[in-house]
Amino acid sequence: MHLAYPAVLAALLFCVGLYGVLARRNAILVLMSVELMLNAVNLNLVAFDVWLRDALHAGQALTLFTIAIAAAEIGIGLAIVLMVYRNRGTSDVDRLRDTAEPAESGATPESTDEKAEAAA
């Protein structure tokens, strides 16, 4: 097997995933694009493992760890996206920049430090 074929396919998959991360606004599609990038890495790991004829199959073992981490990332990421959608009503990534709670009116960082010192 030539190494060029899976390497080119993995590079194309990674580029499509990178485009999806940079261009998409929906958080679900961003998570799917990250998964696509991780799958491109998995393809490279297995291809190089076969090409190098590693006796320990380290590339395949790393692929299993990557799949486990990707599953955990998707589970936590979807939970966060669902909670944000319930609270904000949208999963638009551009609108999520304002997730911090609004500051008290007229409160400056100096006045909050003075209040903390007075309370202590």
PDB file of N, CA and C in Angstrom:
ATOM      1  N   MET A   1       0.845  -1.185   0.000  1.00  0.00           N
ATOM      2  CA  MET A   1       0.000   0.000   0.000  1.00  0.00           C
ATOM      3  C   MET A   1       0.883   1.238   0.000  1.00  0.00           C
ATOM      4  N   HIS A   2       0.570   2.176  -0.862  1.00  0.00           N
ATOM      5  CA  HIS A   2       1.301   3.435  -0.881  1.00  0.00           C
ATOM      6  C   HIS A   2       0.818   4.319   0.259  1.00  0.00           C
ATOM      7  N   LEU A   3       1.745   5.004   0.866  1.00  0.00           N
ATOM      8  CA  LEU A   3       1.410   5.871   1.990  1.00  0.00           C
ATOM      9  C   LEU A   3       0.746   7.165   1.522  1.00  0.00           C
ATOM     10  N   ALA A   4       0.953   7.513   0.270  1.00  0.00           N
ATOM     11  CA  ALA A   4       0.445   8.792  -0.224  1.00  0.00           C
ATOM     12  C   ALA A   4      -1.078   8.849  -0.243  1.00  0.00           C
ATOM     13  N   TYR A   5      -1.734   7.750  -0.566  1.00  0.00           N
ATOM     14  CA  TYR A   5      -3.190   7.767  -0.690  1.00  0.00           C
ATOM     15  C   TYR A   5      -3.894   8.089   0.633  1.00  0.00           C
ATOM     16  N   PRO A   6      -3.625   7.358   1.707  1.00  0.00           N
ATOM     17  CA  PRO A   6      -4.292   7.728   2.956  1.00  0.00           C
ATOM     18  C   PRO A   6      -3.807   9.062   3.515  1.00  0.00           C
ATOM     19  N   ALA A   7      -2.561   9.432   3.241  1.00  0.00           N
ATOM     20  CA  ALA A   7      -2.052  10.713   3.736  1.00  0.00           C
ATOM     21  C   ALA A   7      -2.764  11.883   3.058  1.00  0.00           C
ATOM     22  N   VAL A   8      -2.979  11.769   1.753  1.00  0.00           N
ATOM     23  CA  VAL A   8      -3.695  12.829   1.029  1.00  0.00           C
ATOM     24  C   VAL A   8      -5.152  12.886   1.470  1.00  0.00           C
ATOM     25  N   LEU A   9      -5.771  11.724   1.630  1.00  0.00           N
ATOM     26  CA  LEU A   9      -7.155  11.691   2.105  1.00  0.00           C
ATOM     27  C   LEU A   9      -7.268  12.299   3.500  1.00  0.00           C
ATOM     28  N   ALA A  10      -6.322  11.972   4.384  1.00  0.00           N
ATOM     29  CA  ALA A  10      -6.340  12.533   5.732  1.00  0.00           C
ATOM     30  C   ALA A  10      -6.116  14.044   5.699  1.00  0.00           C
ATOM     31  N   ALA A  11      -5.242  14.508   4.816  1.00  0.00           N
ATOM     32  CA  ALA A  11      -5.011  15.953   4.697  1.00  0.00           C
ATOM     33  C   ALA A  11      -6.274  16.663   4.208  1.00  0.00           C
ATOM     34  N   LEU A  12      -6.967  16.065   3.252  1.00  0.00           N
ATOM     35  CA  LEU A  12      -8.217  16.662   2.763  1.00  0.00           C
ATOM     36  C   LEU A  12      -9.290  16.677   3.855  1.00  0.00           C
ATOM     37  N   LEU A  13      -9.415  15.576   4.590  1.00  0.00           N
ATOM     38  CA  LEU A  13     -10.383  15.536   5.688  1.00  0.00           C
ATOM     39  C   LEU A  13     -10.060  16.574   6.751  1.00  0.00           C
ATOM     40  N   PHE A  14      -8.773  16.706   7.068  1.00  0.00           N
ATOM     41  CA  PHE A  14      -8.371  17.682   8.076  1.00  0.00           C
ATOM     42  C   PHE A  14      -8.661  19.099   7.601  1.00  0.00           C
ATOM     43  N   CYS A  15      -8.407  19.381   6.328  1.00  0.00           N
ATOM     44  CA  CYS A  15      -8.680  20.722   5.791  1.00  0.00           C
ATOM     45  C   CYS A  15     -10.175  21.031   5.792  1.00  0.00           C
ATOM     46  N   VAL A  16     -10.995  20.050   5.451  1.00  0.00           N
ATOM     47  CA  VAL A  16     -12.446  20.249   5.488  1.00  0.00           C
ATOM     48  C   VAL A  16     -12.898  20.508   6.930  1.00  0.00           C
ATOM     49  N   GLY A  17     -12.343  19.758   7.884  1.00  0.00           N
ATOM     50  CA  GLY A  17     -12.674  19.977   9.284  1.00  0.00           C
ATOM     51  C   GLY A  17     -12.214  21.336   9.780  1.00  0.00           C
ATOM     52  N   LEU A  18     -11.030  21.752   9.360  1.00  0.00           N
ATOM     53  CA  LEU A  18     -10.518  23.064   9.756  1.00  0.00           C
ATOM     54  C   LEU A  18     -11.382  24.179   9.191  1.00  0.00           C
ATOM     55  N   TYR A  19     -11.800  24.030   7.933  1.00  0.00           N
ATOM     56  CA  TYR A  19     -12.716  25.004   7.341  1.00  0.00           C
ATOM     57  C   TYR A  19     -14.029  25.048   8.125  1.00  0.00           C
ATOM     58  N   GLY A  20     -14.521  23.894   8.527  1.00  0.00           N
ATOM     59  CA  GLY A  20     -15.766  23.847   9.287  1.00  0.00           C
ATOM     60  C   GLY A  20     -15.641  24.527  10.642  1.00  0.00           C
ATOM     61  N   VAL A  21     -14.491  24.373  11.285  1.00  0.00           N
ATOM     62  CA  VAL A  21     -14.290  25.025  12.584  1.00  0.00           C
ATOM     63  C   VAL A  21     -14.204  26.538  12.418  1.00  0.00           C
ATOM     64  N   LEU A  22     -13.520  26.989  11.374  1.00  0.00           N
ATOM     65  CA  LEU A  22     -13.306  28.419  11.197  1.00  0.00           C
ATOM     66  C   LEU A  22     -14.496  29.150  10.586  1.00  0.00           C
ATOM     67  N   ALA A  23     -15.288  28.475   9.773  1.00  0.00           N
ATOM     68  CA  ALA A  23     -16.337  29.160   9.027  1.00  0.00           C
ATOM     69  C   ALA A  23     -17.740  28.975   9.598  1.00  0.00           C
ATOM     70  N   ARG A  24     -17.974  27.962  10.375  1.00  0.00           N
ATOM     71  CA  ARG A  24     -19.328  27.681  10.840  1.00  0.00           C
ATOM     72  C   ARG A  24     -19.676  28.535  12.055  1.00  0.00           C
ATOM     73  N   ARG A  25     -20.963  28.774  12.206  1.00  0.00           N
ATOM     74  CA  ARG A  25     -21.447  29.534  13.355  1.00  0.00           C
ATOM     75  C   ARG A  25     -22.236  28.663  14.320  1.00  0.00           C
ATOM     76  N   ASN A  26     -22.734  27.559  13.850  1.00  0.00           N
ATOM     77  CA  ASN A  26     -23.513  26.667  14.694  1.00  0.00           C
ATOM     78  C   ASN A  26     -22.554  25.789  15.501  1.00  0.00           C
ATOM     79  N   ALA A  27     -22.764  25.716  16.805  1.00  0.00           N
ATOM     80  CA  ALA A  27     -21.856  24.989  17.678  1.00  0.00           C
ATOM     81  C   ALA A  27     -21.858  23.488  17.384  1.00  0.00           C
ATOM     82  N   ILE A  28     -22.992  22.946  16.980  1.00  0.00           N
ATOM     83  CA  ILE A  28     -23.063  21.519  16.652  1.00  0.00           C
ATOM     84  C   ILE A  28     -22.184  21.217  15.441  1.00  0.00           C
ATOM     85  N   LEU A  29     -22.221  22.076  14.431  1.00  0.00           N
ATOM     86  CA  LEU A  29     -21.401  21.862  13.245  1.00  0.00           C
ATOM     87  C   LEU A  29     -19.921  22.044  13.552  1.00  0.00           C
ATOM     88  N   VAL A  30     -19.597  22.918  14.481  1.00  0.00           N
ATOM     89  CA  VAL A  30     -18.202  23.077  14.895  1.00  0.00           C
ATOM     90  C   VAL A  30     -17.711  21.798  15.572  1.00  0.00           C
ATOM     91  N   LEU A  31     -18.540  21.215  16.422  1.00  0.00           N
ATOM     92  CA  LEU A  31     -18.164  19.953  17.068  1.00  0.00           C
ATOM     93  C   LEU A  31     -18.000  18.829  16.045  1.00  0.00           C
ATOM     94  N   MET A  32     -18.870  18.804  15.051  1.00  0.00           N
ATOM     95  CA  MET A  32     -18.736  17.786  14.000  1.00  0.00           C
ATOM     96  C   MET A  32     -17.456  17.993  13.207  1.00  0.00           C
ATOM     97  N   SER A  33     -17.073  19.230  12.991  1.00  0.00           N
ATOM     98  CA  SER A  33     -15.835  19.512  12.265  1.00  0.00           C
ATOM     99  C   SER A  33     -14.613  19.091  13.073  1.00  0.00           C
ATOM    100  N   VAL A  34     -14.669  19.274  14.383  1.00  0.00           N
ATOM    101  CA  VAL A  34     -13.567  18.813  15.240  1.00  0.00           C
ATOM    102  C   VAL A  34     -13.466  17.289  15.166  1.00  0.00           C
ATOM    103  N   GLU A  35     -14.593  16.616  15.145  1.00  0.00           N
ATOM    104  CA  GLU A  35     -14.579  15.160  15.008  1.00  0.00           C
ATOM    105  C   GLU A  35     -13.984  14.738  13.669  1.00  0.00           C
ATOM    106  N   LEU A  36     -14.268  15.480  12.623  1.00  0.00           N
ATOM    107  CA  LEU A  36     -13.696  15.181  11.316  1.00  0.00           C
ATOM    108  C   LEU A  36     -12.177  15.332  11.346  1.00  0.00           C
ATOM    109  N   MET A  37     -11.689  16.350  12.040  1.00  0.00           N
ATOM    110  CA  MET A  37     -10.242  16.542  12.166  1.00  0.00           C
ATOM    111  C   MET A  37      -9.607  15.399  12.963  1.00  0.00           C
ATOM    112  N   LEU A  38     -10.270  14.957  14.028  1.00  0.00           N
ATOM    113  CA  LEU A  38      -9.740  13.836  14.808  1.00  0.00           C
ATOM    114  C   LEU A  38      -9.735  12.540  13.996  1.00  0.00           C
ATOM    115  N   ASN A  39     -10.732  12.350  13.151  1.00  0.00           N
ATOM    116  CA  ASN A  39     -10.755  11.163  12.295  1.00  0.00           C
ATOM    117  C   ASN A  39      -9.644  11.206  11.252  1.00  0.00           C
ATOM    118  N   ALA A  40      -9.283  12.395  10.780  1.00  0.00           N
ATOM    119  CA  ALA A  40      -8.149  12.510   9.863  1.00  0.00           C
ATOM    120  C   ALA A  40      -6.854  12.112  10.573  1.00  0.00           C
ATOM    121  N   VAL A  41      -6.717  12.501  11.816  1.00  0.00           N
ATOM    122  CA  VAL A  41      -5.544  12.105  12.602  1.00  0.00           C
ATOM    123  C   VAL A  41      -5.532  10.588  12.801  1.00  0.00           C
ATOM    124  N   ASN A  42      -6.697  10.017  13.089  1.00  0.00           N
ATOM    125  CA  ASN A  42      -6.781   8.558  13.255  1.00  0.00           C
ATOM    126  C   ASN A  42      -6.377   7.831  11.976  1.00  0.00           C
ATOM    127  N   LEU A  43      -6.803   8.344  10.846  1.00  0.00           N
ATOM    128  CA  LEU A  43      -6.435   7.733   9.570  1.00  0.00           C
ATOM    129  C   LEU A  43      -4.926   7.780   9.366  1.00  0.00           C
ATOM    130  N   ASN A  44      -4.298   8.888   9.705  1.00  0.00           N
ATOM    131  CA  ASN A  44      -2.844   8.987   9.602  1.00  0.00           C
ATOM    132  C   ASN A  44      -2.145   8.026  10.550  1.00  0.00           C
ATOM    133  N   LEU A  45      -2.637   7.909  11.776  1.00  0.00           N
ATOM    134  CA  LEU A  45      -2.014   7.008  12.738  1.00  0.00           C
ATOM    135  C   LEU A  45      -2.045   5.560  12.253  1.00  0.00           C
ATOM    136  N   VAL A  46      -3.180   5.129  11.753  1.00  0.00           N
ATOM    137  CA  VAL A  46      -3.293   3.750  11.280  1.00  0.00           C
ATOM    138  C   VAL A  46      -2.479   3.541  10.008  1.00  0.00           C
ATOM    139  N   ALA A  47      -2.482   4.513   9.113  1.00  0.00           N
ATOM    140  CA  ALA A  47      -1.722   4.372   7.866  1.00  0.00           C
ATOM    141  C   ALA A  47      -0.224   4.280   8.145  1.00  0.00           C
ATOM    142  N   PHE A  48       0.274   5.119   9.031  1.00  0.00           N
ATOM    143  CA  PHE A  48       1.699   5.059   9.342  1.00  0.00           C
ATOM    144  C   PHE A  48       2.038   3.803  10.132  1.00  0.00           C
ATOM    145  N   ASP A  49       1.112   3.318  10.931  1.00  0.00           N
ATOM    146  CA  ASP A  49       1.349   2.068  11.656  1.00  0.00           C
ATOM    147  C   ASP A  49       1.486   0.901  10.682  1.00  0.00           C
ATOM    148  N   VAL A  50       0.634   0.862   9.672  1.00  0.00           N
ATOM    149  CA  VAL A  50       0.723  -0.201   8.671  1.00  0.00           C
ATOM    150  C   VAL A  50       1.980  -0.031   7.825  1.00  0.00           C
ATOM    151  N   TRP A  51       2.304   1.201   7.467  1.00  0.00           N
ATOM    152  CA  TRP A  51       3.462   1.458   6.612  1.00  0.00           C
ATOM    153  C   TRP A  51       4.774   1.114   7.313  1.00  0.00           C
ATOM    154  N   LEU A  52       4.859   1.414   8.613  1.00  0.00           N
ATOM    155  CA  LEU A  52       6.092   1.135   9.360  1.00  0.00           C
ATOM    156  C   LEU A  52       6.172  -0.308   9.845  1.00  0.00           C
ATOM    157  N   ARG A  53       5.076  -1.044   9.743  1.00  0.00           N
ATOM    158  CA  ARG A  53       5.003  -2.436  10.198  1.00  0.00           C
ATOM    159  C   ARG A  53       5.470  -2.562  11.651  1.00  0.00           C
ATOM    160  N   ASP A  54       4.889  -1.717  12.477  1.00  0.00           N
ATOM    161  CA  ASP A  54       5.252  -1.701  13.894  1.00  0.00           C
ATOM    162  C   ASP A  54       4.748  -2.970  14.571  1.00  0.00           C
ATOM    163  N   ALA A  55       5.627  -3.638  15.316  1.00  0.00           N
ATOM    164  CA  ALA A  55       5.256  -4.894  15.980  1.00  0.00           C
ATOM    165  C   ALA A  55       4.298  -4.645  17.141  1.00  0.00           C
ATOM    166  N   LEU A  56       4.405  -3.489  17.770  1.00  0.00           N
ATOM    167  CA  LEU A  56       3.537  -3.182  18.922  1.00  0.00           C
ATOM    168  C   LEU A  56       2.213  -2.545  18.506  1.00  0.00           C
ATOM    169  N   HIS A  57       2.103  -2.163  17.249  1.00  0.00           N
ATOM    170  CA  HIS A  57       0.898  -1.491  16.736  1.00  0.00           C
ATOM    171  C   HIS A  57       0.568  -0.255  17.576  1.00  0.00           C
ATOM    172  N   ALA A  58       1.558   0.586  17.775  1.00  0.00           N
ATOM    173  CA  ALA A  58       1.387   1.798  18.584  1.00  0.00           C
ATOM    174  C   ALA A  58       0.400   2.771  17.940  1.00  0.00           C
ATOM    175  N   GLY A  59       0.395   2.854  16.620  1.00  0.00           N
ATOM    176  CA  GLY A  59      -0.535   3.751  15.937  1.00  0.00           C
ATOM    177  C   GLY A  59      -1.978   3.350  16.168  1.00  0.00           C
ATOM    178  N   GLN A  60      -2.246   2.063  16.152  1.00  0.00           N
ATOM    179  CA  GLN A  60      -3.610   1.590  16.381  1.00  0.00           C
ATOM    180  C   GLN A  60      -4.013   1.783  17.838  1.00  0.00           C
ATOM    181  N   ALA A  61      -3.064   1.615  18.757  1.00  0.00           N
ATOM    182  CA  ALA A  61      -3.365   1.849  20.173  1.00  0.00           C
ATOM    183  C   ALA A  61      -3.662   3.332  20.423  1.00  0.00           C
ATOM    184  N   LEU A  62      -2.875   4.212  19.804  1.00  0.00           N
ATOM    185  CA  LEU A  62      -3.149   5.639  19.938  1.00  0.00           C
ATOM    186  C   LEU A  62      -4.483   6.015  19.309  1.00  0.00           C
ATOM    187  N   THR A  63      -4.842   5.325  18.246  1.00  0.00           N
ATOM    188  CA  THR A  63      -6.136   5.577  17.615  1.00  0.00           C
ATOM    189  C   THR A  63      -7.284   5.233  18.561  1.00  0.00           C
ATOM    190  N   LEU A  64      -7.146   4.146  19.295  1.00  0.00           N
ATOM    191  CA  LEU A  64      -8.189   3.789  20.268  1.00  0.00           C
ATOM    192  C   LEU A  64      -8.311   4.854  21.359  1.00  0.00           C
ATOM    193  N   PHE A  65      -7.192   5.369  21.834  1.00  0.00           N
ATOM    194  CA  PHE A  65      -7.243   6.440  22.828  1.00  0.00           C
ATOM    195  C   PHE A  65      -7.870   7.704  22.248  1.00  0.00           C
ATOM    196  N   THR A  66      -7.552   8.004  21.003  1.00  0.00           N
ATOM    197  CA  THR A  66      -8.125   9.188  20.354  1.00  0.00           C
ATOM    198  C   THR A  66      -9.632   9.043  20.192  1.00  0.00           C
ATOM    199  N   ILE A  67     -10.091   7.854  19.853  1.00  0.00           N
ATOM    200  CA  ILE A  67     -11.534   7.615  19.723  1.00  0.00           C
ATOM    201  C   ILE A  67     -12.225   7.778  21.075  1.00  0.00           C
ATOM    202  N   ALA A  68     -11.594   7.282  22.142  1.00  0.00           N
ATOM    203  CA  ALA A  68     -12.182   7.424  23.483  1.00  0.00           C
ATOM    204  C   ALA A  68     -12.246   8.885  23.894  1.00  0.00           C
ATOM    205  N   ILE A  69     -11.196   9.638  23.621  1.00  0.00           N
ATOM    206  CA  ILE A  69     -11.190  11.061  23.969  1.00  0.00           C
ATOM    207  C   ILE A  69     -12.211  11.820  23.131  1.00  0.00           C
ATOM    208  N   ALA A  70     -12.343  11.456  21.857  1.00  0.00           N
ATOM    209  CA  ALA A  70     -13.329  12.111  20.993  1.00  0.00           C
ATOM    210  C   ALA A  70     -14.745  11.837  21.476  1.00  0.00           C
ATOM    211  N   ALA A  71     -15.007  10.625  21.956  1.00  0.00           N
ATOM    212  CA  ALA A  71     -16.341  10.312  22.469  1.00  0.00           C
ATOM    213  C   ALA A  71     -16.648  11.133  23.723  1.00  0.00           C
ATOM    214  N   ALA A  72     -15.672  11.264  24.591  1.00  0.00           N
ATOM    215  CA  ALA A  72     -15.872  12.082  25.797  1.00  0.00           C
ATOM    216  C   ALA A  72     -16.057  13.549  25.430  1.00  0.00           C
ATOM    217  N   GLU A  73     -15.294  14.018  24.459  1.00  0.00           N
ATOM    218  CA  GLU A  73     -15.400  15.419  24.032  1.00  0.00           C
ATOM    219  C   GLU A  73     -16.771  15.709  23.434  1.00  0.00           C
ATOM    220  N   ILE A  74     -17.279  14.789  22.645  1.00  0.00           N
ATOM    221  CA  ILE A  74     -18.605  14.991  22.057  1.00  0.00           C
ATOM    222  C   ILE A  74     -19.688  14.967  23.125  1.00  0.00           C
ATOM    223  N   GLY A  75     -19.568  14.067  24.075  1.00  0.00           N
ATOM    224  CA  GLY A  75     -20.568  14.006  25.146  1.00  0.00           C
ATOM    225  C   GLY A  75     -20.609  15.281  25.964  1.00  0.00           C
ATOM    226  N   ILE A  76     -19.456  15.763  26.374  1.00  0.00           N
ATOM    227  CA  ILE A  76     -19.396  16.993  27.171  1.00  0.00           C
ATOM    228  C   ILE A  76     -19.765  18.199  26.320  1.00  0.00           C
ATOM    229  N   GLY A  77     -19.274  18.224  25.068  1.00  0.00           N
ATOM    230  CA  GLY A  77     -19.582  19.351  24.190  1.00  0.00           C
ATOM    231  C   GLY A  77     -21.065  19.466  23.895  1.00  0.00           C
ATOM    232  N   LEU A  78     -21.715  18.351  23.632  1.00  0.00           N
ATOM    233  CA  LEU A  78     -23.163  18.402  23.368  1.00  0.00           C
ATOM    234  C   LEU A  78     -23.945  18.805  24.609  1.00  0.00           C
ATOM    235  N   ALA A  79     -23.493  18.371  25.778  1.00  0.00           N
ATOM    236  CA  ALA A  79     -24.162  18.791  27.012  1.00  0.00           C
ATOM    237  C   ALA A  79     -24.046  20.295  27.202  1.00  0.00           C
ATOM    238  N   ILE A  80     -22.881  20.848  26.933  1.00  0.00           N
ATOM    239  CA  ILE A  80     -22.694  22.293  27.060  1.00  0.00           C
ATOM    240  C   ILE A  80     -23.536  23.029  26.033  1.00  0.00           C
ATOM    241  N   VAL A  81     -23.553  22.539  24.797  1.00  0.00           N
ATOM    242  CA  VAL A  81     -24.340  23.202  23.750  1.00  0.00           C
ATOM    243  C   VAL A  81     -25.828  23.163  24.095  1.00  0.00           C
ATOM    244  N   LEU A  82     -26.322  22.048  24.603  1.00  0.00           N
ATOM    245  CA  LEU A  82     -27.739  21.959  24.965  1.00  0.00           C
ATOM    246  C   LEU A  82     -28.090  22.909  26.113  1.00  0.00           C
ATOM    247  N   MET A  83     -27.214  23.026  27.097  1.00  0.00           N
ATOM    248  CA  MET A  83     -27.481  23.959  28.198  1.00  0.00           C
ATOM    249  C   MET A  83     -27.452  25.409  27.726  1.00  0.00           C
ATOM    250  N   VAL A  84     -26.520  25.735  26.847  1.00  0.00           N
ATOM    251  CA  VAL A  84     -26.467  27.092  26.302  1.00  0.00           C
ATOM    252  C   VAL A  84     -27.705  27.357  25.466  1.00  0.00           C
ATOM    253  N   TYR A  85     -28.140  26.374  24.688  1.00  0.00           N
ATOM    254  CA  TYR A  85     -29.337  26.556  23.867  1.00  0.00           C
ATOM    255  C   TYR A  85     -30.575  26.758  24.740  1.00  0.00           C
ATOM    256  N   ARG A  86     -30.656  26.031  25.836  1.00  0.00           N
ATOM    257  CA  ARG A  86     -31.804  26.203  26.730  1.00  0.00           C
ATOM    258  C   ARG A  86     -31.801  27.581  27.385  1.00  0.00           C
ATOM    259  N   ASN A  87     -30.620  28.070  27.754  1.00  0.00           N
ATOM    260  CA  ASN A  87     -30.540  29.361  28.435  1.00  0.00           C
ATOM    261  C   ASN A  87     -30.627  30.535  27.476  1.00  0.00           C
ATOM    262  N   ARG A  88     -29.986  30.441  26.314  1.00  0.00           N
ATOM    263  CA  ARG A  88     -29.900  31.562  25.384  1.00  0.00           C
ATOM    264  C   ARG A  88     -30.890  31.479  24.229  1.00  0.00           C
ATOM    265  N   GLY A  89     -31.350  30.277  23.883  1.00  0.00           N
ATOM    266  CA  GLY A  89     -32.275  30.134  22.773  1.00  0.00           C
ATOM    267  C   GLY A  89     -31.587  30.031  21.423  1.00  0.00           C
ATOM    268  N   THR A  90     -30.264  29.987  21.394  1.00  0.00           N
ATOM    269  CA  THR A  90     -29.524  29.852  20.145  1.00  0.00           C
ATOM    270  C   THR A  90     -28.227  29.106  20.413  1.00  0.00           C
ATOM    271  N   SER A  91     -27.722  28.472  19.367  1.00  0.00           N
ATOM    272  CA  SER A  91     -26.421  27.822  19.476  1.00  0.00           C
ATOM    273  C   SER A  91     -25.418  28.487  18.544  1.00  0.00           C
ATOM    274  N   ASP A  92     -25.687  29.742  18.180  1.00  0.00           N
ATOM    275  CA  ASP A  92     -24.808  30.517  17.324  1.00  0.00           C
ATOM    276  C   ASP A  92     -23.544  30.879  18.104  1.00  0.00           C
ATOM    277  N   VAL A  93     -22.399  30.506  17.572  1.00  0.00           N
ATOM    278  CA  VAL A  93     -21.135  30.712  18.277  1.00  0.00           C
ATOM    279  C   VAL A  93     -20.821  32.193  18.411  1.00  0.00           C
ATOM    280  N   ASP A  94     -21.177  33.008  17.420  1.00  0.00           N
ATOM    281  CA  ASP A  94     -20.890  34.441  17.488  1.00  0.00           C
ATOM    282  C   ASP A  94     -21.669  35.123  18.606  1.00  0.00           C
ATOM    283  N   ARG A  95     -22.846  34.638  18.906  1.00  0.00           N
ATOM    284  CA  ARG A  95     -23.640  35.233  19.979  1.00  0.00           C
ATOM    285  C   ARG A  95     -23.226  34.744  21.362  1.00  0.00           C
ATOM    286  N   LEU A  96     -22.403  33.713  21.432  1.00  0.00           N
ATOM    287  CA  LEU A  96     -21.993  33.166  22.720  1.00  0.00           C
ATOM    288  C   LEU A  96     -20.850  33.941  23.354  1.00  0.00           C
ATOM    289  N   ARG A  97     -20.355  34.948  22.681  1.00  0.00           N
ATOM    290  CA  ARG A  97     -19.275  35.746  23.250  1.00  0.00           C
ATOM    291  C   ARG A  97     -19.752  36.561  24.439  1.00  0.00           C
ATOM    292  N   ASP A  98     -21.021  36.822  24.522  1.00  0.00           N
ATOM    293  CA  ASP A  98     -21.578  37.618  25.610  1.00  0.00           C
ATOM    294  C   ASP A  98     -22.157  36.728  26.694  1.00  0.00           C
ATOM    295  N   THR A  99     -21.453  35.673  27.058  1.00  0.00           N
ATOM    296  CA  THR A  99     -21.978  34.742  28.053  1.00  0.00           C
ATOM    297  C   THR A  99     -21.709  35.182  29.475  1.00  0.00           C
ATOM    298  N   ALA A 100     -20.845  36.169  29.666  1.00  0.00           N
ATOM    299  CA  ALA A 100     -20.564  36.636  31.016  1.00  0.00           C
ATOM    300  C   ALA A 100     -21.786  37.363  31.573  1.00  0.00           C
ATOM    301  N   GLU A 101     -21.961  37.265  32.869  1.00  0.00           N
ATOM    302  CA  GLU A 101     -23.078  37.968  33.483  1.00  0.00           C
ATOM    303  C   GLU A 101     -22.810  39.464  33.442  1.00  0.00           C
ATOM    304  N   PRO A 102     -23.842  40.261  33.243  1.00  0.00           N
ATOM    305  CA  PRO A 102     -23.616  41.706  33.179  1.00  0.00           C
ATOM    306  C   PRO A 102     -23.150  42.240  34.533  1.00  0.00           C
ATOM    307  N   ALA A 103     -22.245  43.201  34.473  1.00  0.00           N
ATOM    308  CA  ALA A 103     -21.714  43.797  35.696  1.00  0.00           C
ATOM    309  C   ALA A 103     -22.777  44.693  36.334  1.00  0.00           C
ATOM    310  N   GLU A 104     -22.614  44.942  37.632  1.00  0.00           N
ATOM    311  CA  GLU A 104     -23.540  45.835  38.326  1.00  0.00           C
ATOM    312  C   GLU A 104     -23.405  47.229  37.740  1.00  0.00           C
ATOM    313  N   SER A 105     -24.501  47.949  37.710  1.00  0.00           N
ATOM    314  CA  SER A 105     -24.451  49.287  37.126  1.00  0.00           C
ATOM    315  C   SER A 105     -23.611  50.197  38.017  1.00  0.00           C
ATOM    316  N   GLY A 106     -22.669  50.888  37.394  1.00  0.00           N
ATOM    317  CA  GLY A 106     -21.823  51.825  38.121  1.00  0.00           C
ATOM    318  C   GLY A 106     -20.677  51.161  38.861  1.00  0.00           C
ATOM    319  N   ALA A 107     -20.541  49.870  38.781  1.00  0.00           N
ATOM    320  CA  ALA A 107     -19.464  49.189  39.494  1.00  0.00           C
ATOM    321  C   ALA A 107     -18.215  49.178  38.631  1.00  0.00           C
ATOM    322  N   THR A 108     -17.134  49.612  39.206  1.00  0.00           N
ATOM    323  CA  THR A 108     -15.844  49.564  38.538  1.00  0.00           C
ATOM    324  C   THR A 108     -14.983  48.546  39.244  1.00  0.00           C
ATOM    325  N   PRO A 109     -13.923  48.096  38.628  1.00  0.00           N
ATOM    326  CA  PRO A 109     -13.063  47.122  39.312  1.00  0.00           C
ATOM    327  C   PRO A 109     -12.505  47.661  40.626  1.00  0.00           C
ATOM    328  N   GLU A 110     -12.242  48.994  40.682  1.00  0.00           N
ATOM    329  CA  GLU A 110     -11.710  49.564  41.911  1.00  0.00           C
ATOM    330  C   GLU A 110     -12.753  49.543  43.025  1.00  0.00           C
ATOM    331  N   SER A 111     -14.026  49.856  42.666  1.00  0.00           N
ATOM    332  CA  SER A 111     -15.061  49.896  43.697  1.00  0.00           C
ATOM    333  C   SER A 111     -15.376  48.506  44.220  1.00  0.00           C
ATOM    334  N   THR A 112     -15.297  47.480  43.369  1.00  0.00           N
ATOM    335  CA  THR A 112     -15.547  46.121  43.850  1.00  0.00           C
ATOM    336  C   THR A 112     -14.410  45.647  44.742  1.00  0.00           C
ATOM    337  N   ASP A 113     -13.166  46.093  44.453  1.00  0.00           N
ATOM    338  CA  ASP A 113     -12.042  45.748  45.337  1.00  0.00           C
ATOM    339  C   ASP A 113     -12.193  46.411  46.689  1.00  0.00           C
ATOM    340  N   GLU A 114     -12.675  47.656  46.688  1.00  0.00           N
ATOM    341  CA  GLU A 114     -12.868  48.364  47.959  1.00  0.00           C
ATOM    342  C   GLU A 114     -13.970  47.699  48.784  1.00  0.00           C
ATOM    343  N   LYS A 115     -15.048  47.231  48.122  1.00  0.00           N
ATOM    344  CA  LYS A 115     -16.114  46.539  48.826  1.00  0.00           C
ATOM    345  C   LYS A 115     -15.615  45.238  49.430  1.00  0.00           C
ATOM    346  N   ALA A 116     -14.757  44.526  48.689  1.00  0.00           N
ATOM    347  CA  ALA A 116     -14.215  43.269  49.206  1.00  0.00           C
ATOM    348  C   ALA A 116     -13.320  43.513  50.407  1.00  0.00           C
ATOM    349  N   GLU A 117     -12.525  44.588  50.372  1.00  0.00           N
ATOM    350  CA  GLU A 117     -11.661  44.910  51.508  1.00  0.00           C
ATOM    351  C   GLU A 117     -12.479  45.347  52.708  1.00  0.00           C
ATOM    352  N   ALA A 118     -13.564  46.072  52.469  1.00  0.00           N
ATOM    353  CA  ALA A 118     -14.413  46.544  53.571  1.00  0.00           C
ATOM    354  C   ALA A 118     -15.141  45.375  54.229  1.00  0.00           C
ATOM    355  N   ALA A 119     -15.498  44.375  53.419  1.00  0.00           N
ATOM    356  CA  ALA A 119     -16.193  43.228  53.972  1.00  0.00           C
ATOM    357  C   ALA A 119     -15.278  42.337  54.802  1.00  0.00           C
ATOM    358  N   ALA A 120     -13.997  42.375  54.496  1.00  0.00           N
ATOM    359  CA  ALA A 120     -13.035  41.538  55.216  1.00  0.00           C
ATOM    360  C   ALA A 120     -12.637  42.176  56.483  1.00  0.00           C
TER     361      ALA A 120
END
